[in-house]
Amino acid sequence: MHLLDFEKRIDNCKSLEMLQAETQIILGIMQNEPCNSKIFNDYINILEKISLKSKNLK
C-alpha cells in the first residue's frame, strides 16, 4: 500500500479504534517487509501523525 493512501485514511479516521487499526497495519508492514531507512522513516512519520490525531480525538 502506498504511503499517501495511509495518510488519506488517517485523515479520514473519526475514532480511536480506526486509528488503532491503521497503526496495527503499519506495524505489521514494518515487521514483515524489508525496507530501507527512508521507508522506515516515512512509516515513523505516519505513526507520529496517528499519535497526534489520536490526542485530538480524546
PDB file of N, CA and C in Angstrom:
ATOM      1  N   MET A   1       0.852  -1.178   0.000  1.00  0.00           N
ATOM      2  CA  MET A   1       0.000   0.000   0.000  1.00  0.00           C
ATOM      3  C   MET A   1       0.895   1.239   0.000  1.00  0.00           C
ATOM      4  N   HIS A   2       0.508   2.207  -0.747  1.00  0.00           N
ATOM      5  CA  HIS A   2       1.283   3.428  -0.871  1.00  0.00           C
ATOM      6  C   HIS A   2       1.132   4.284   0.390  1.00  0.00           C
ATOM      7  N   LEU A   3       2.201   4.984   0.754  1.00  0.00           N
ATOM      8  CA  LEU A   3       2.183   5.793   1.976  1.00  0.00           C
ATOM      9  C   LEU A   3       1.141   6.905   1.922  1.00  0.00           C
ATOM     10  N   LEU A   4       0.897   7.461   0.747  1.00  0.00           N
ATOM     11  CA  LEU A   4      -0.119   8.509   0.636  1.00  0.00           C
ATOM     12  C   LEU A   4      -1.504   7.965   0.947  1.00  0.00           C
ATOM     13  N   ASP A   5      -1.744   6.707   0.609  1.00  0.00           N
ATOM     14  CA  ASP A   5      -3.021   6.076   0.945  1.00  0.00           C
ATOM     15  C   ASP A   5      -3.219   6.042   2.460  1.00  0.00           C
ATOM     16  N   PHE A   6      -2.146   5.721   3.188  1.00  0.00           N
ATOM     17  CA  PHE A   6      -2.239   5.720   4.643  1.00  0.00           C
ATOM     18  C   PHE A   6      -2.551   7.108   5.169  1.00  0.00           C
ATOM     19  N   GLU A   7      -1.885   8.109   4.625  1.00  0.00           N
ATOM     20  CA  GLU A   7      -2.123   9.474   5.098  1.00  0.00           C
ATOM     21  C   GLU A   7      -3.570   9.892   4.870  1.00  0.00           C
ATOM     22  N   LYS A   8      -4.122   9.554   3.723  1.00  0.00           N
ATOM     23  CA  LYS A   8      -5.527   9.879   3.440  1.00  0.00           C
ATOM     24  C   LYS A   8      -6.455   9.131   4.390  1.00  0.00           C
ATOM     25  N   ARG A   9      -6.157   7.854   4.617  1.00  0.00           N
ATOM     26  CA  ARG A   9      -7.005   7.058   5.503  1.00  0.00           C
ATOM     27  C   ARG A   9      -6.949   7.597   6.924  1.00  0.00           C
ATOM     28  N   ILE A  10      -5.772   8.018   7.361  1.00  0.00           N
ATOM     29  CA  ILE A  10      -5.632   8.575   8.709  1.00  0.00           C
ATOM     30  C   ILE A  10      -6.398   9.880   8.816  1.00  0.00           C
ATOM     31  N   ASP A  11      -6.308  10.711   7.795  1.00  0.00           N
ATOM     32  CA  ASP A  11      -7.043  11.975   7.805  1.00  0.00           C
ATOM     33  C   ASP A  11      -8.546  11.747   7.933  1.00  0.00           C
ATOM     34  N   ASN A  12      -9.027  10.641   7.391  1.00  0.00           N
ATOM     35  CA  ASN A  12     -10.461  10.347   7.402  1.00  0.00           C
ATOM     36  C   ASN A  12     -10.920   9.564   8.633  1.00  0.00           C
ATOM     37  N   CYS A  13      -9.998   9.148   9.492  1.00  0.00           N
ATOM     38  CA  CYS A  13     -10.363   8.399  10.691  1.00  0.00           C
ATOM     39  C   CYS A  13     -11.154   9.294  11.636  1.00  0.00           C
ATOM     40  N   LYS A  14     -12.256   8.747  12.137  1.00  0.00           N
ATOM     41  CA  LYS A  14     -13.132   9.503  13.037  1.00  0.00           C
ATOM     42  C   LYS A  14     -13.156   8.943  14.451  1.00  0.00           C
ATOM     43  N   SER A  15     -12.422   7.852  14.694  1.00  0.00           N
ATOM     44  CA  SER A  15     -12.446   7.264  16.035  1.00  0.00           C
ATOM     45  C   SER A  15     -11.067   6.711  16.386  1.00  0.00           C
ATOM     46  N   LEU A  16     -10.853   6.540  17.678  1.00  0.00           N
ATOM     47  CA  LEU A  16      -9.596   5.962  18.145  1.00  0.00           C
ATOM     48  C   LEU A  16      -9.433   4.523  17.649  1.00  0.00           C
ATOM     49  N   GLU A  17     -10.540   3.806  17.559  1.00  0.00           N
ATOM     50  CA  GLU A  17     -10.476   2.418  17.096  1.00  0.00           C
ATOM     51  C   GLU A  17      -9.960   2.337  15.664  1.00  0.00           C
ATOM     52  N   MET A  18     -10.409   3.261  14.826  1.00  0.00           N
ATOM     53  CA  MET A  18      -9.941   3.272  13.439  1.00  0.00           C
ATOM     54  C   MET A  18      -8.450   3.606  13.384  1.00  0.00           C
ATOM     55  N   LEU A  19      -8.006   4.546  14.205  1.00  0.00           N
ATOM     56  CA  LEU A  19      -6.582   4.888  14.245  1.00  0.00           C
ATOM     57  C   LEU A  19      -5.755   3.713  14.753  1.00  0.00           C
ATOM     58  N   GLN A  20      -6.279   2.994  15.736  1.00  0.00           N
ATOM     59  CA  GLN A  20      -5.570   1.823  16.247  1.00  0.00           C
ATOM     60  C   GLN A  20      -5.435   0.751  15.167  1.00  0.00           C
ATOM     61  N   ALA A  21      -6.466   0.573  14.369  1.00  0.00           N
ATOM     62  CA  ALA A  21      -6.413  -0.406  13.285  1.00  0.00           C
ATOM     63  C   ALA A  21      -5.352  -0.011  12.256  1.00  0.00           C
ATOM     64  N   GLU A  22      -5.307   1.255  11.906  1.00  0.00           N
ATOM     65  CA  GLU A  22      -4.295   1.732  10.951  1.00  0.00           C
ATOM     66  C   GLU A  22      -2.891   1.537  11.524  1.00  0.00           C
ATOM     67  N   THR A  23      -2.743   1.789  12.819  1.00  0.00           N
ATOM     68  CA  THR A  23      -1.443   1.601  13.469  1.00  0.00           C
ATOM     69  C   THR A  23      -1.013   0.146  13.377  1.00  0.00           C
ATOM     70  N   GLN A  24      -1.935  -0.778  13.630  1.00  0.00           N
ATOM     71  CA  GLN A  24      -1.609  -2.205  13.571  1.00  0.00           C
ATOM     72  C   GLN A  24      -1.195  -2.625  12.164  1.00  0.00           C
ATOM     73  N   ILE A  25      -1.852  -2.072  11.163  1.00  0.00           N
ATOM     74  CA  ILE A  25      -1.495  -2.387   9.776  1.00  0.00           C
ATOM     75  C   ILE A  25      -0.075  -1.917   9.484  1.00  0.00           C
ATOM     76  N   ILE A  26       0.230  -0.682   9.866  1.00  0.00           N
ATOM     77  CA  ILE A  26       1.559  -0.128   9.604  1.00  0.00           C
ATOM     78  C   ILE A  26       2.633  -0.916  10.352  1.00  0.00           C
ATOM     79  N   LEU A  27       2.384  -1.235  11.608  1.00  0.00           N
ATOM     80  CA  LEU A  27       3.360  -2.011  12.377  1.00  0.00           C
ATOM     81  C   LEU A  27       3.575  -3.392  11.765  1.00  0.00           C
ATOM     82  N   GLY A  28       2.517  -4.001  11.272  1.00  0.00           N
ATOM     83  CA  GLY A  28       2.647  -5.294  10.603  1.00  0.00           C
ATOM     84  C   GLY A  28       3.503  -5.201   9.358  1.00  0.00           C
ATOM     85  N   ILE A  29       3.301  -4.149   8.584  1.00  0.00           N
ATOM     86  CA  ILE A  29       4.115  -3.949   7.386  1.00  0.00           C
ATOM     87  C   ILE A  29       5.574  -3.748   7.767  1.00  0.00           C
ATOM     88  N   MET A  30       5.810  -2.928   8.792  1.00  0.00           N
ATOM     89  CA  MET A  30       7.183  -2.660   9.213  1.00  0.00           C
ATOM     90  C   MET A  30       7.886  -3.930   9.670  1.00  0.00           C
ATOM     91  N   GLN A  31       7.155  -4.844  10.284  1.00  0.00           N
ATOM     92  CA  GLN A  31       7.755  -6.085  10.766  1.00  0.00           C
ATOM     93  C   GLN A  31       8.006  -7.083   9.654  1.00  0.00           C
ATOM     94  N   ASN A  32       7.171  -7.067   8.625  1.00  0.00           N
ATOM     95  CA  ASN A  32       7.212  -8.133   7.626  1.00  0.00           C
ATOM     96  C   ASN A  32       7.838  -7.751   6.293  1.00  0.00           C
ATOM     97  N   GLU A  33       8.002  -6.473   6.033  1.00  0.00           N
ATOM     98  CA  GLU A  33       8.583  -6.057   4.760  1.00  0.00           C
ATOM     99  C   GLU A  33       9.991  -5.543   4.967  1.00  0.00           C
ATOM    100  N   PRO A  34      10.907  -5.991   4.108  1.00  0.00           N
ATOM    101  CA  PRO A  34      12.232  -5.377   4.181  1.00  0.00           C
ATOM    102  C   PRO A  34      12.120  -3.933   3.705  1.00  0.00           C
ATOM    103  N   CYS A  35      12.739  -3.030   4.418  1.00  0.00           N
ATOM    104  CA  CYS A  35      12.657  -1.642   3.985  1.00  0.00           C
ATOM    105  C   CYS A  35      13.955  -0.923   4.313  1.00  0.00           C
ATOM    106  N   ASN A  36      14.218   0.102   3.551  1.00  0.00           N
ATOM    107  CA  ASN A  36      15.413   0.893   3.795  1.00  0.00           C
ATOM    108  C   ASN A  36      15.119   1.982   4.815  1.00  0.00           C
ATOM    109  N   SER A  37      16.118   2.745   5.171  1.00  0.00           N
ATOM    110  CA  SER A  37      15.951   3.744   6.229  1.00  0.00           C
ATOM    111  C   SER A  37      14.969   4.844   5.837  1.00  0.00           C
ATOM    112  N   LYS A  38      14.857   5.187   4.553  1.00  0.00           N
ATOM    113  CA  LYS A  38      13.917   6.231   4.138  1.00  0.00           C
ATOM    114  C   LYS A  38      12.477   5.752   4.319  1.00  0.00           C
ATOM    115  N   ILE A  39      12.203   4.537   3.889  1.00  0.00           N
ATOM    116  CA  ILE A  39      10.849   3.990   4.036  1.00  0.00           C
ATOM    117  C   ILE A  39      10.511   3.839   5.514  1.00  0.00           C
ATOM    118  N   PHE A  40      11.481   3.344   6.298  1.00  0.00           N
ATOM    119  CA  PHE A  40      11.255   3.203   7.730  1.00  0.00           C
ATOM    120  C   PHE A  40      10.933   4.564   8.344  1.00  0.00           C
ATOM    121  N   ASN A  41      11.665   5.587   7.964  1.00  0.00           N
ATOM    122  CA  ASN A  41      11.422   6.940   8.459  1.00  0.00           C
ATOM    123  C   ASN A  41      10.033   7.431   8.051  1.00  0.00           C
ATOM    124  N   ASP A  42       9.609   7.118   6.834  1.00  0.00           N
ATOM    125  CA  ASP A  42       8.272   7.506   6.381  1.00  0.00           C
ATOM    126  C   ASP A  42       7.191   6.854   7.242  1.00  0.00           C
ATOM    127  N   TYR A  43       7.374   5.574   7.567  1.00  0.00           N
ATOM    128  CA  TYR A  43       6.409   4.895   8.432  1.00  0.00           C
ATOM    129  C   TYR A  43       6.391   5.519   9.835  1.00  0.00           C
ATOM    130  N   ILE A  44       7.561   5.860  10.349  1.00  0.00           N
ATOM    131  CA  ILE A  44       7.633   6.503  11.670  1.00  0.00           C
ATOM    132  C   ILE A  44       6.890   7.830  11.633  1.00  0.00           C
ATOM    133  N   ASN A  45       7.039   8.589  10.561  1.00  0.00           N
ATOM    134  CA  ASN A  45       6.328   9.867  10.440  1.00  0.00           C
ATOM    135  C   ASN A  45       4.815   9.661  10.425  1.00  0.00           C
ATOM    136  N   ILE A  46       4.360   8.616   9.756  1.00  0.00           N
ATOM    137  CA  ILE A  46       2.925   8.330   9.732  1.00  0.00           C
ATOM    138  C   ILE A  46       2.444   7.938  11.128  1.00  0.00           C
ATOM    139  N   LEU A  47       3.235   7.148  11.845  1.00  0.00           N
ATOM    140  CA  LEU A  47       2.863   6.769  13.209  1.00  0.00           C
ATOM    141  C   LEU A  47       2.800   8.000  14.120  1.00  0.00           C
ATOM    142  N   GLU A  48       3.700   8.951  13.916  1.00  0.00           N
ATOM    143  CA  GLU A  48       3.650  10.195  14.688  1.00  0.00           C
ATOM    144  C   GLU A  48       2.386  10.982  14.368  1.00  0.00           C
ATOM    145  N   LYS A  49       1.996  10.980  13.100  1.00  0.00           N
ATOM    146  CA  LYS A  49       0.757  11.666  12.701  1.00  0.00           C
ATOM    147  C   LYS A  49      -0.447  11.012  13.370  1.00  0.00           C
ATOM    148  N   ILE A  50      -0.448   9.680  13.433  1.00  0.00           N
ATOM    149  CA  ILE A  50      -1.533   8.959  14.109  1.00  0.00           C
ATOM    150  C   ILE A  50      -1.563   9.343  15.585  1.00  0.00           C
ATOM    151  N   SER A  51      -0.406   9.411  16.203  1.00  0.00           N
ATOM    152  CA  SER A  51      -0.330   9.767  17.618  1.00  0.00           C
ATOM    153  C   SER A  51      -0.922  11.155  17.868  1.00  0.00           C
ATOM    154  N   LEU A  52      -0.565  12.113  17.044  1.00  0.00           N
ATOM    155  CA  LEU A  52      -1.099  13.465  17.195  1.00  0.00           C
ATOM    156  C   LEU A  52      -2.603  13.494  16.996  1.00  0.00           C
ATOM    157  N   LYS A  53      -3.069  12.792  15.981  1.00  0.00           N
ATOM    158  CA  LYS A  53      -4.514  12.790  15.707  1.00  0.00           C
ATOM    159  C   LYS A  53      -5.273  12.101  16.843  1.00  0.00           C
ATOM    160  N   SER A  54      -4.700  11.046  17.390  1.00  0.00           N
ATOM    161  CA  SER A  54      -5.391  10.341  18.473  1.00  0.00           C
ATOM    162  C   SER A  54      -5.547  11.230  19.701  1.00  0.00           C
ATOM    163  N   LYS A  55      -4.568  12.083  19.954  1.00  0.00           N
ATOM    164  CA  LYS A  55      -4.669  13.015  21.089  1.00  0.00           C
ATOM    165  C   LYS A  55      -5.806  14.015  20.861  1.00  0.00           C
ATOM    166  N   ASN A  56      -6.030  14.384  19.614  1.00  0.00           N
ATOM    167  CA  ASN A  56      -7.116  15.324  19.302  1.00  0.00           C
ATOM    168  C   ASN A  56      -8.491  14.679  19.385  1.00  0.00           C
ATOM    169  N   LEU A  57      -8.558  13.349  19.239  1.00  0.00           N
ATOM    170  CA  LEU A  57      -9.842  12.651  19.292  1.00  0.00           C
ATOM    171  C   LEU A  57     -10.272  12.321  20.715  1.00  0.00           C
ATOM    172  N   LYS A  58      -9.353  12.389  21.644  1.00  0.00           N
ATOM    173  CA  LYS A  58      -9.694  12.034  23.037  1.00  0.00           C
ATOM    174  C   LYS A  58     -10.584  13.063  23.675  1.00  0.00           C
TER     175      LYS A  58
END
